[in-house]
Amino acid sequence: MHLRLRMANSGPGASRGITRREILFVLLIASALTIYVSSLVKQRVDEALHEQAVIDLERITRALHQYKLDNLRYPSPDQGLYALLESPVLEPLSPRWAGPYLSRSSLIRDPWKRDYIYHSSDAPPSFSVKTFGADGVEGGSGENRDLLVVFESDSDY
């Protein structure tokens, strides 16, 4: 009498598990997908930060016009955008200050955590507010492009 032992999964067509080559192939595909998805997410985040800067500049522009209505002038370059948050302590003082004109102090910093660049003039009343984009360097394109708002009045109203 001969006894034959037979393993349940041993024979032609029996599965031997996943090979190293198959594991490597799956890891390669997963890595490629991860890189692709992360680049899409980064691109969308960059676009969102740029859109946020545009919205911030619109809010700052409205706040500057409201400041001028109350104080008959825009904040001086020395007072800067901080004058939209607190009554200025630097000359020229603003006794009719009715702010704060911005809802939060973070609005005077761009989405890349740098202060917006503000300039103003009295004759004729004008101002400019700008940011240098993601790279913080003047010029550039895409996420690094500069954003600028300029207002120049026709008269000394």
N, C-alpha and C. Protein backbone atom coordinates (compact mmCIF):
# COMPACT_ATOMS: atom_id res chain seq x y z
N MET A 1 0.82 -1.15 0.00
CA MET A 1 0.00 0.00 0.00
C MET A 1 0.88 1.23 0.00
N HIS A 2 0.58 2.03 -0.97
CA HIS A 2 1.32 3.30 -1.09
C HIS A 2 0.40 4.44 -0.70
N LEU A 3 0.95 5.29 0.05
CA LEU A 3 0.19 6.44 0.52
C LEU A 3 0.66 7.69 -0.23
N ARG A 4 -0.24 8.34 -0.85
CA ARG A 4 0.11 9.59 -1.53
C ARG A 4 -0.52 10.75 -0.79
N LEU A 5 0.31 11.68 -0.47
CA LEU A 5 -0.18 12.90 0.15
C LEU A 5 -0.26 13.98 -0.93
N ARG A 6 -1.31 14.59 -0.95
CA ARG A 6 -1.49 15.62 -1.97
C ARG A 6 -1.93 16.91 -1.28
N MET A 7 -1.24 17.97 -1.57
CA MET A 7 -1.61 19.27 -1.01
C MET A 7 -2.80 19.80 -1.81
N ALA A 8 -3.67 20.46 -1.13
CA ALA A 8 -4.90 20.92 -1.77
C ALA A 8 -4.63 21.87 -2.93
N ASN A 9 -3.67 22.75 -2.81
CA ASN A 9 -3.42 23.74 -3.86
C ASN A 9 -2.13 23.47 -4.62
N SER A 10 -1.72 22.24 -4.69
CA SER A 10 -0.49 21.96 -5.44
C SER A 10 -0.84 21.19 -6.68
N GLY A 11 -0.53 21.68 -7.74
CA GLY A 11 -0.84 21.02 -9.00
C GLY A 11 -0.85 22.05 -10.08
N PRO A 12 -1.03 21.62 -11.28
CA PRO A 12 -1.06 22.59 -12.37
C PRO A 12 -2.22 23.56 -12.19
N GLY A 13 -1.93 24.84 -12.39
CA GLY A 13 -2.95 25.87 -12.29
C GLY A 13 -3.20 26.34 -10.87
N ALA A 14 -2.50 25.79 -9.92
CA ALA A 14 -2.70 26.21 -8.53
C ALA A 14 -2.01 27.55 -8.32
N SER A 15 -2.61 28.42 -7.53
CA SER A 15 -2.06 29.74 -7.25
C SER A 15 -0.93 29.65 -6.24
N ARG A 16 0.14 30.34 -6.53
CA ARG A 16 1.26 30.35 -5.60
C ARG A 16 1.40 31.70 -4.89
N GLY A 17 0.42 32.56 -4.99
CA GLY A 17 0.49 33.87 -4.35
C GLY A 17 0.99 34.92 -5.32
N ILE A 18 1.26 36.06 -4.78
CA ILE A 18 1.70 37.20 -5.59
C ILE A 18 3.21 37.19 -5.69
N THR A 19 3.71 37.36 -6.88
CA THR A 19 5.16 37.38 -7.08
C THR A 19 5.71 38.77 -6.79
N ARG A 20 6.99 38.85 -6.62
CA ARG A 20 7.65 40.14 -6.38
C ARG A 20 7.44 41.08 -7.56
N ARG A 21 7.46 40.54 -8.73
CA ARG A 21 7.27 41.35 -9.93
C ARG A 21 5.87 41.99 -9.92
N GLU A 22 4.88 41.23 -9.54
CA GLU A 22 3.51 41.76 -9.48
C GLU A 22 3.39 42.84 -8.40
N ILE A 23 4.02 42.61 -7.26
CA ILE A 23 4.01 43.62 -6.20
C ILE A 23 4.68 44.90 -6.68
N LEU A 24 5.82 44.77 -7.33
CA LEU A 24 6.51 45.94 -7.86
C LEU A 24 5.66 46.68 -8.88
N PHE A 25 4.98 45.95 -9.73
CA PHE A 25 4.12 46.56 -10.75
C PHE A 25 2.99 47.35 -10.09
N VAL A 26 2.37 46.77 -9.08
CA VAL A 26 1.28 47.46 -8.37
C VAL A 26 1.82 48.70 -7.67
N LEU A 27 2.97 48.60 -7.03
CA LEU A 27 3.57 49.77 -6.37
C LEU A 27 3.93 50.86 -7.37
N LEU A 28 4.41 50.48 -8.54
CA LEU A 28 4.73 51.45 -9.58
C LEU A 28 3.49 52.20 -10.04
N ILE A 29 2.42 51.49 -10.26
CA ILE A 29 1.16 52.13 -10.68
C ILE A 29 0.64 53.03 -9.57
N ALA A 30 0.67 52.56 -8.33
CA ALA A 30 0.19 53.37 -7.20
C ALA A 30 1.04 54.64 -7.06
N SER A 31 2.34 54.53 -7.23
CA SER A 31 3.22 55.70 -7.14
C SER A 31 2.92 56.70 -8.25
N ALA A 32 2.73 56.21 -9.46
CA ALA A 32 2.43 57.09 -10.59
C ALA A 32 1.11 57.82 -10.36
N LEU A 33 0.10 57.12 -9.87
CA LEU A 33 -1.19 57.75 -9.58
C LEU A 33 -1.05 58.79 -8.46
N THR A 34 -0.28 58.48 -7.45
CA THR A 34 -0.07 59.42 -6.34
C THR A 34 0.60 60.69 -6.83
N ILE A 35 1.61 60.56 -7.66
CA ILE A 35 2.30 61.73 -8.20
C ILE A 35 1.35 62.57 -9.05
N TYR A 36 0.57 61.93 -9.89
CA TYR A 36 -0.37 62.63 -10.75
C TYR A 36 -1.42 63.38 -9.93
N VAL A 37 -2.01 62.70 -8.97
CA VAL A 37 -3.06 63.32 -8.15
C VAL A 37 -2.48 64.47 -7.31
N SER A 38 -1.29 64.28 -6.75
CA SER A 38 -0.70 65.34 -5.93
C SER A 38 -0.37 66.57 -6.78
N SER A 39 0.03 66.38 -8.03
CA SER A 39 0.29 67.54 -8.89
C SER A 39 -1.00 68.27 -9.22
N LEU A 40 -2.09 67.54 -9.41
CA LEU A 40 -3.39 68.18 -9.64
C LEU A 40 -3.83 68.97 -8.41
N VAL A 41 -3.65 68.38 -7.24
CA VAL A 41 -4.03 69.06 -6.00
C VAL A 41 -3.19 70.32 -5.81
N LYS A 42 -1.88 70.23 -6.03
CA LYS A 42 -1.01 71.40 -5.88
C LYS A 42 -1.41 72.50 -6.85
N GLN A 43 -1.73 72.13 -8.06
CA GLN A 43 -2.15 73.12 -9.06
C GLN A 43 -3.43 73.81 -8.60
N ARG A 44 -4.37 73.05 -8.08
CA ARG A 44 -5.63 73.63 -7.62
C ARG A 44 -5.42 74.52 -6.40
N VAL A 45 -4.54 74.12 -5.50
CA VAL A 45 -4.23 74.95 -4.33
C VAL A 45 -3.60 76.26 -4.78
N ASP A 46 -2.68 76.21 -5.73
CA ASP A 46 -2.05 77.42 -6.25
C ASP A 46 -3.09 78.35 -6.87
N GLU A 47 -4.02 77.80 -7.64
CA GLU A 47 -5.09 78.60 -8.24
C GLU A 47 -5.97 79.22 -7.16
N ALA A 48 -6.28 78.45 -6.13
CA ALA A 48 -7.13 78.95 -5.05
C ALA A 48 -6.45 80.09 -4.30
N LEU A 49 -5.15 79.98 -4.06
CA LEU A 49 -4.43 81.07 -3.39
C LEU A 49 -4.44 82.33 -4.23
N HIS A 50 -4.29 82.19 -5.53
CA HIS A 50 -4.31 83.35 -6.41
C HIS A 50 -5.71 83.98 -6.42
N GLU A 51 -6.75 83.15 -6.47
CA GLU A 51 -8.12 83.66 -6.41
C GLU A 51 -8.37 84.36 -5.08
N GLN A 52 -7.82 83.83 -3.99
CA GLN A 52 -7.98 84.47 -2.69
C GLN A 52 -7.32 85.84 -2.67
N ALA A 53 -6.18 85.98 -3.31
CA ALA A 53 -5.50 87.27 -3.39
C ALA A 53 -6.37 88.28 -4.14
N VAL A 54 -7.01 87.86 -5.21
CA VAL A 54 -7.91 88.76 -5.97
C VAL A 54 -9.06 89.22 -5.07
N ILE A 55 -9.65 88.31 -4.34
CA ILE A 55 -10.75 88.65 -3.43
C ILE A 55 -10.27 89.61 -2.34
N ASP A 56 -9.10 89.33 -1.77
CA ASP A 56 -8.53 90.21 -0.74
C ASP A 56 -8.32 91.62 -1.28
N LEU A 57 -7.79 91.73 -2.49
CA LEU A 57 -7.55 93.06 -3.08
C LEU A 57 -8.86 93.81 -3.29
N GLU A 58 -9.92 93.11 -3.66
CA GLU A 58 -11.22 93.76 -3.80
C GLU A 58 -11.71 94.28 -2.45
N ARG A 59 -11.55 93.48 -1.40
CA ARG A 59 -11.97 93.91 -0.05
C ARG A 59 -11.15 95.11 0.41
N ILE A 60 -9.85 95.06 0.18
CA ILE A 60 -8.99 96.17 0.59
C ILE A 60 -9.37 97.43 -0.17
N THR A 61 -9.67 97.32 -1.45
CA THR A 61 -10.07 98.48 -2.25
C THR A 61 -11.34 99.10 -1.69
N ARG A 62 -12.34 98.28 -1.39
CA ARG A 62 -13.58 98.81 -0.80
C ARG A 62 -13.30 99.48 0.55
N ALA A 63 -12.45 98.86 1.36
CA ALA A 63 -12.12 99.42 2.67
C ALA A 63 -11.39 100.77 2.52
N LEU A 64 -10.50 100.87 1.55
CA LEU A 64 -9.79 102.14 1.33
C LEU A 64 -10.75 103.24 0.90
N HIS A 65 -11.70 102.92 0.04
CA HIS A 65 -12.69 103.93 -0.38
C HIS A 65 -13.56 104.35 0.81
N GLN A 66 -13.95 103.42 1.66
CA GLN A 66 -14.74 103.77 2.84
C GLN A 66 -13.91 104.63 3.79
N TYR A 67 -12.65 104.29 3.96
CA TYR A 67 -11.74 105.09 4.80
C TYR A 67 -11.69 106.52 4.27
N LYS A 68 -11.57 106.67 2.95
CA LYS A 68 -11.50 108.02 2.37
C LYS A 68 -12.80 108.79 2.57
N LEU A 69 -13.93 108.10 2.45
CA LEU A 69 -15.21 108.78 2.69
C LEU A 69 -15.28 109.33 4.11
N ASP A 70 -14.78 108.58 5.07
CA ASP A 70 -14.83 109.01 6.47
C ASP A 70 -13.77 110.05 6.80
N ASN A 71 -12.58 109.92 6.22
CA ASN A 71 -11.42 110.72 6.64
C ASN A 71 -10.95 111.73 5.60
N LEU A 72 -11.61 111.78 4.45
CA LEU A 72 -11.33 112.73 3.37
C LEU A 72 -9.96 112.52 2.72
N ARG A 73 -9.34 111.39 2.98
CA ARG A 73 -8.06 111.05 2.36
C ARG A 73 -7.82 109.56 2.55
N TYR A 74 -6.90 109.03 1.74
CA TYR A 74 -6.50 107.63 1.93
C TYR A 74 -5.41 107.58 3.00
N PRO A 75 -5.21 106.44 3.61
CA PRO A 75 -4.10 106.35 4.58
C PRO A 75 -2.78 106.70 3.88
N SER A 76 -1.91 107.35 4.63
CA SER A 76 -0.60 107.70 4.06
C SER A 76 0.22 106.42 3.88
N PRO A 77 1.26 106.48 3.05
CA PRO A 77 2.11 105.30 2.90
C PRO A 77 2.72 104.85 4.24
N ASP A 78 3.03 105.82 5.13
CA ASP A 78 3.58 105.46 6.44
C ASP A 78 2.54 104.75 7.31
N GLN A 79 1.30 105.17 7.22
CA GLN A 79 0.24 104.51 7.99
C GLN A 79 -0.06 103.13 7.42
N GLY A 80 0.00 103.04 6.12
CA GLY A 80 -0.21 101.76 5.45
C GLY A 80 -1.61 101.20 5.64
N LEU A 81 -1.74 99.94 5.33
CA LEU A 81 -3.04 99.27 5.43
C LEU A 81 -3.46 99.03 6.88
N TYR A 82 -2.52 99.20 7.82
CA TYR A 82 -2.87 99.05 9.24
C TYR A 82 -3.90 100.09 9.66
N ALA A 83 -3.95 101.23 8.94
CA ALA A 83 -4.93 102.26 9.24
C ALA A 83 -6.36 101.77 8.99
N LEU A 84 -6.51 100.69 8.25
CA LEU A 84 -7.84 100.12 8.03
C LEU A 84 -8.28 99.26 9.21
N LEU A 85 -7.35 98.92 10.08
CA LEU A 85 -7.64 98.06 11.23
C LEU A 85 -7.74 98.83 12.53
N GLU A 86 -6.87 99.84 12.70
CA GLU A 86 -6.83 100.64 13.92
C GLU A 86 -6.65 102.10 13.56
N SER A 87 -7.18 102.97 14.41
CA SER A 87 -7.04 104.40 14.17
C SER A 87 -5.56 104.76 14.12
N PRO A 88 -5.15 105.47 13.07
CA PRO A 88 -3.72 105.78 12.91
C PRO A 88 -3.16 106.61 14.07
N VAL A 89 -1.93 106.30 14.44
CA VAL A 89 -1.23 107.08 15.45
C VAL A 89 -0.15 107.95 14.79
N LEU A 90 0.12 107.70 13.52
CA LEU A 90 1.07 108.51 12.76
C LEU A 90 0.32 109.61 12.03
N GLU A 91 0.99 110.75 11.84
CA GLU A 91 0.40 111.85 11.08
C GLU A 91 0.19 111.44 9.63
N PRO A 92 -0.83 111.92 9.00
CA PRO A 92 -1.92 112.73 9.52
C PRO A 92 -2.93 111.88 10.29
N LEU A 93 -3.30 112.36 11.46
CA LEU A 93 -4.27 111.63 12.28
C LEU A 93 -5.64 111.67 11.63
N SER A 94 -6.48 110.78 12.03
CA SER A 94 -7.81 110.66 11.41
C SER A 94 -8.88 110.73 12.50
N PRO A 95 -9.28 111.97 12.89
CA PRO A 95 -10.25 112.09 13.98
C PRO A 95 -11.63 111.52 13.63
N ARG A 96 -11.92 111.38 12.35
CA ARG A 96 -13.24 110.85 11.94
C ARG A 96 -13.16 109.35 11.63
N TRP A 97 -12.09 108.70 12.05
CA TRP A 97 -11.90 107.26 11.80
C TRP A 97 -13.09 106.50 12.37
N ALA A 98 -13.73 105.66 11.56
CA ALA A 98 -14.92 104.92 11.99
C ALA A 98 -14.75 103.42 11.75
N GLY A 99 -13.52 102.97 11.80
CA GLY A 99 -13.24 101.56 11.51
C GLY A 99 -13.47 100.64 12.68
N PRO A 100 -13.02 99.45 12.59
CA PRO A 100 -12.13 98.94 11.55
C PRO A 100 -12.85 98.76 10.22
N TYR A 101 -12.10 98.96 9.16
CA TYR A 101 -12.64 98.88 7.81
C TYR A 101 -12.46 97.50 7.19
N LEU A 102 -11.65 96.68 7.82
CA LEU A 102 -11.48 95.28 7.41
C LEU A 102 -11.89 94.39 8.58
N SER A 103 -12.47 93.25 8.26
CA SER A 103 -13.01 92.37 9.29
C SER A 103 -11.95 91.63 10.09
N ARG A 104 -10.77 91.46 9.51
CA ARG A 104 -9.71 90.74 10.23
C ARG A 104 -8.34 91.20 9.75
N SER A 105 -7.39 91.12 10.64
CA SER A 105 -6.04 91.62 10.34
C SER A 105 -5.32 90.79 9.29
N SER A 106 -5.72 89.55 9.11
CA SER A 106 -5.05 88.71 8.11
C SER A 106 -5.27 89.21 6.69
N LEU A 107 -6.24 90.10 6.48
CA LEU A 107 -6.52 90.60 5.13
C LEU A 107 -5.45 91.55 4.61
N ILE A 108 -4.57 92.05 5.47
CA ILE A 108 -3.52 92.93 4.96
C ILE A 108 -2.28 92.14 4.59
N ARG A 109 -2.37 90.82 4.69
CA ARG A 109 -1.29 89.93 4.25
C ARG A 109 -1.83 89.07 3.12
N ASP A 110 -0.99 88.85 2.11
CA ASP A 110 -1.44 88.05 0.98
C ASP A 110 -1.52 86.56 1.36
N PRO A 111 -2.11 85.73 0.52
CA PRO A 111 -2.24 84.31 0.87
C PRO A 111 -0.91 83.59 1.07
N TRP A 112 0.19 84.22 0.66
CA TRP A 112 1.52 83.62 0.84
C TRP A 112 2.20 84.18 2.08
N LYS A 113 1.41 84.86 2.93
CA LYS A 113 1.84 85.37 4.24
C LYS A 113 2.84 86.53 4.17
N ARG A 114 2.74 87.34 3.12
CA ARG A 114 3.55 88.55 3.00
C ARG A 114 2.60 89.75 2.99
N ASP A 115 3.04 90.87 3.57
CA ASP A 115 2.21 92.07 3.56
C ASP A 115 1.97 92.53 2.13
N TYR A 116 0.73 92.98 1.88
CA TYR A 116 0.46 93.63 0.60
C TYR A 116 1.27 94.92 0.54
N ILE A 117 1.69 95.32 -0.64
CA ILE A 117 2.49 96.53 -0.83
C ILE A 117 1.52 97.66 -1.16
N TYR A 118 1.54 98.72 -0.33
CA TYR A 118 0.58 99.81 -0.44
C TYR A 118 1.32 101.13 -0.67
N HIS A 119 0.80 101.92 -1.62
CA HIS A 119 1.29 103.28 -1.88
C HIS A 119 0.07 104.17 -2.04
N SER A 120 0.21 105.43 -1.65
CA SER A 120 -0.90 106.38 -1.84
C SER A 120 -0.34 107.77 -2.10
N SER A 121 -1.23 108.63 -2.62
CA SER A 121 -0.88 110.01 -2.92
C SER A 121 -2.11 110.86 -2.68
N ASP A 122 -1.89 112.14 -2.36
CA ASP A 122 -3.02 113.03 -2.09
C ASP A 122 -3.42 113.90 -3.27
N ALA A 123 -2.53 114.16 -4.21
CA ALA A 123 -2.84 115.09 -5.28
C ALA A 123 -2.55 114.49 -6.64
N PRO A 124 -3.52 114.04 -7.36
CA PRO A 124 -4.89 113.74 -6.93
C PRO A 124 -4.92 112.48 -6.08
N PRO A 125 -6.02 112.28 -5.37
CA PRO A 125 -6.10 111.10 -4.50
C PRO A 125 -5.93 109.81 -5.31
N SER A 126 -5.02 108.97 -4.86
CA SER A 126 -4.79 107.71 -5.56
C SER A 126 -4.16 106.71 -4.60
N PHE A 127 -4.23 105.45 -4.99
CA PHE A 127 -3.54 104.41 -4.21
C PHE A 127 -3.26 103.22 -5.12
N SER A 128 -2.34 102.40 -4.68
CA SER A 128 -2.09 101.12 -5.34
C SER A 128 -1.82 100.08 -4.25
N VAL A 129 -2.28 98.88 -4.51
CA VAL A 129 -2.04 97.75 -3.61
C VAL A 129 -1.61 96.59 -4.50
N LYS A 130 -0.51 95.94 -4.12
CA LYS A 130 -0.05 94.84 -4.97
C LYS A 130 0.58 93.73 -4.15
N THR A 131 0.68 92.58 -4.80
CA THR A 131 1.40 91.43 -4.27
C THR A 131 2.21 90.84 -5.42
N PHE A 132 3.34 90.27 -5.09
CA PHE A 132 4.22 89.69 -6.11
C PHE A 132 3.94 88.22 -6.38
N GLY A 133 2.82 87.71 -5.92
CA GLY A 133 2.46 86.32 -6.22
C GLY A 133 3.18 85.32 -5.33
N ALA A 134 3.12 84.07 -5.73
CA ALA A 134 3.62 82.96 -4.91
C ALA A 134 5.11 83.05 -4.63
N ASP A 135 5.89 83.53 -5.61
CA ASP A 135 7.35 83.54 -5.43
C ASP A 135 7.86 84.79 -4.71
N GLY A 136 7.01 85.82 -4.56
CA GLY A 136 7.42 87.03 -3.87
C GLY A 136 8.39 87.89 -4.65
N VAL A 137 8.56 87.61 -5.93
CA VAL A 137 9.49 88.35 -6.79
C VAL A 137 8.68 89.04 -7.88
N GLU A 138 9.03 90.30 -8.15
CA GLU A 138 8.30 91.06 -9.17
C GLU A 138 8.37 90.36 -10.52
N GLY A 139 7.23 90.37 -11.23
CA GLY A 139 7.15 89.69 -12.52
C GLY A 139 6.73 88.25 -12.32
N GLY A 140 6.75 87.51 -13.38
CA GLY A 140 6.40 86.10 -13.29
C GLY A 140 5.11 85.79 -14.02
N SER A 141 4.81 84.52 -14.08
CA SER A 141 3.58 84.07 -14.73
C SER A 141 3.00 82.93 -13.92
N GLY A 142 1.77 82.57 -14.27
CA GLY A 142 1.10 81.50 -13.54
C GLY A 142 0.91 81.88 -12.08
N GLU A 143 1.23 80.97 -11.18
CA GLU A 143 1.06 81.23 -9.75
C GLU A 143 2.00 82.33 -9.25
N ASN A 144 3.03 82.65 -10.00
CA ASN A 144 4.00 83.68 -9.61
C ASN A 144 3.67 85.05 -10.16
N ARG A 145 2.57 85.18 -10.91
CA ARG A 145 2.26 86.48 -11.51
C ARG A 145 1.84 87.48 -10.43
N ASP A 146 2.18 88.72 -10.68
CA ASP A 146 1.86 89.80 -9.76
C ASP A 146 0.40 90.19 -9.91
N LEU A 147 -0.17 90.69 -8.82
CA LEU A 147 -1.52 91.24 -8.84
C LEU A 147 -1.42 92.69 -8.37
N LEU A 148 -2.10 93.58 -9.06
CA LEU A 148 -2.01 95.00 -8.77
C LEU A 148 -3.37 95.65 -8.92
N VAL A 149 -3.73 96.47 -7.93
CA VAL A 149 -4.93 97.30 -8.01
C VAL A 149 -4.46 98.74 -7.94
N VAL A 150 -4.89 99.55 -8.90
CA VAL A 150 -4.53 100.97 -8.92
C VAL A 150 -5.81 101.77 -9.02
N PHE A 151 -5.93 102.80 -8.17
CA PHE A 151 -7.04 103.73 -8.27
C PHE A 151 -6.45 105.13 -8.36
N GLU A 152 -6.87 105.86 -9.40
CA GLU A 152 -6.44 107.24 -9.58
C GLU A 152 -7.67 108.10 -9.82
N SER A 153 -7.87 109.07 -8.97
CA SER A 153 -9.02 109.95 -9.08
C SER A 153 -8.76 111.03 -10.13
N ASP A 154 -9.83 111.50 -10.74
CA ASP A 154 -9.71 112.57 -11.73
C ASP A 154 -9.53 113.93 -11.07
N SER A 155 -9.94 114.04 -9.81
CA SER A 155 -9.91 115.34 -9.15
C SER A 155 -9.54 115.16 -7.68
N ASP A 156 -9.51 116.28 -6.98
CA ASP A 156 -9.18 116.25 -5.55
C ASP A 156 -10.43 116.11 -4.69
N TYR A 157 -11.41 115.36 -5.13
CA TYR A 157 -12.70 115.29 -4.42
C TYR A 157 -12.58 115.01 -2.97
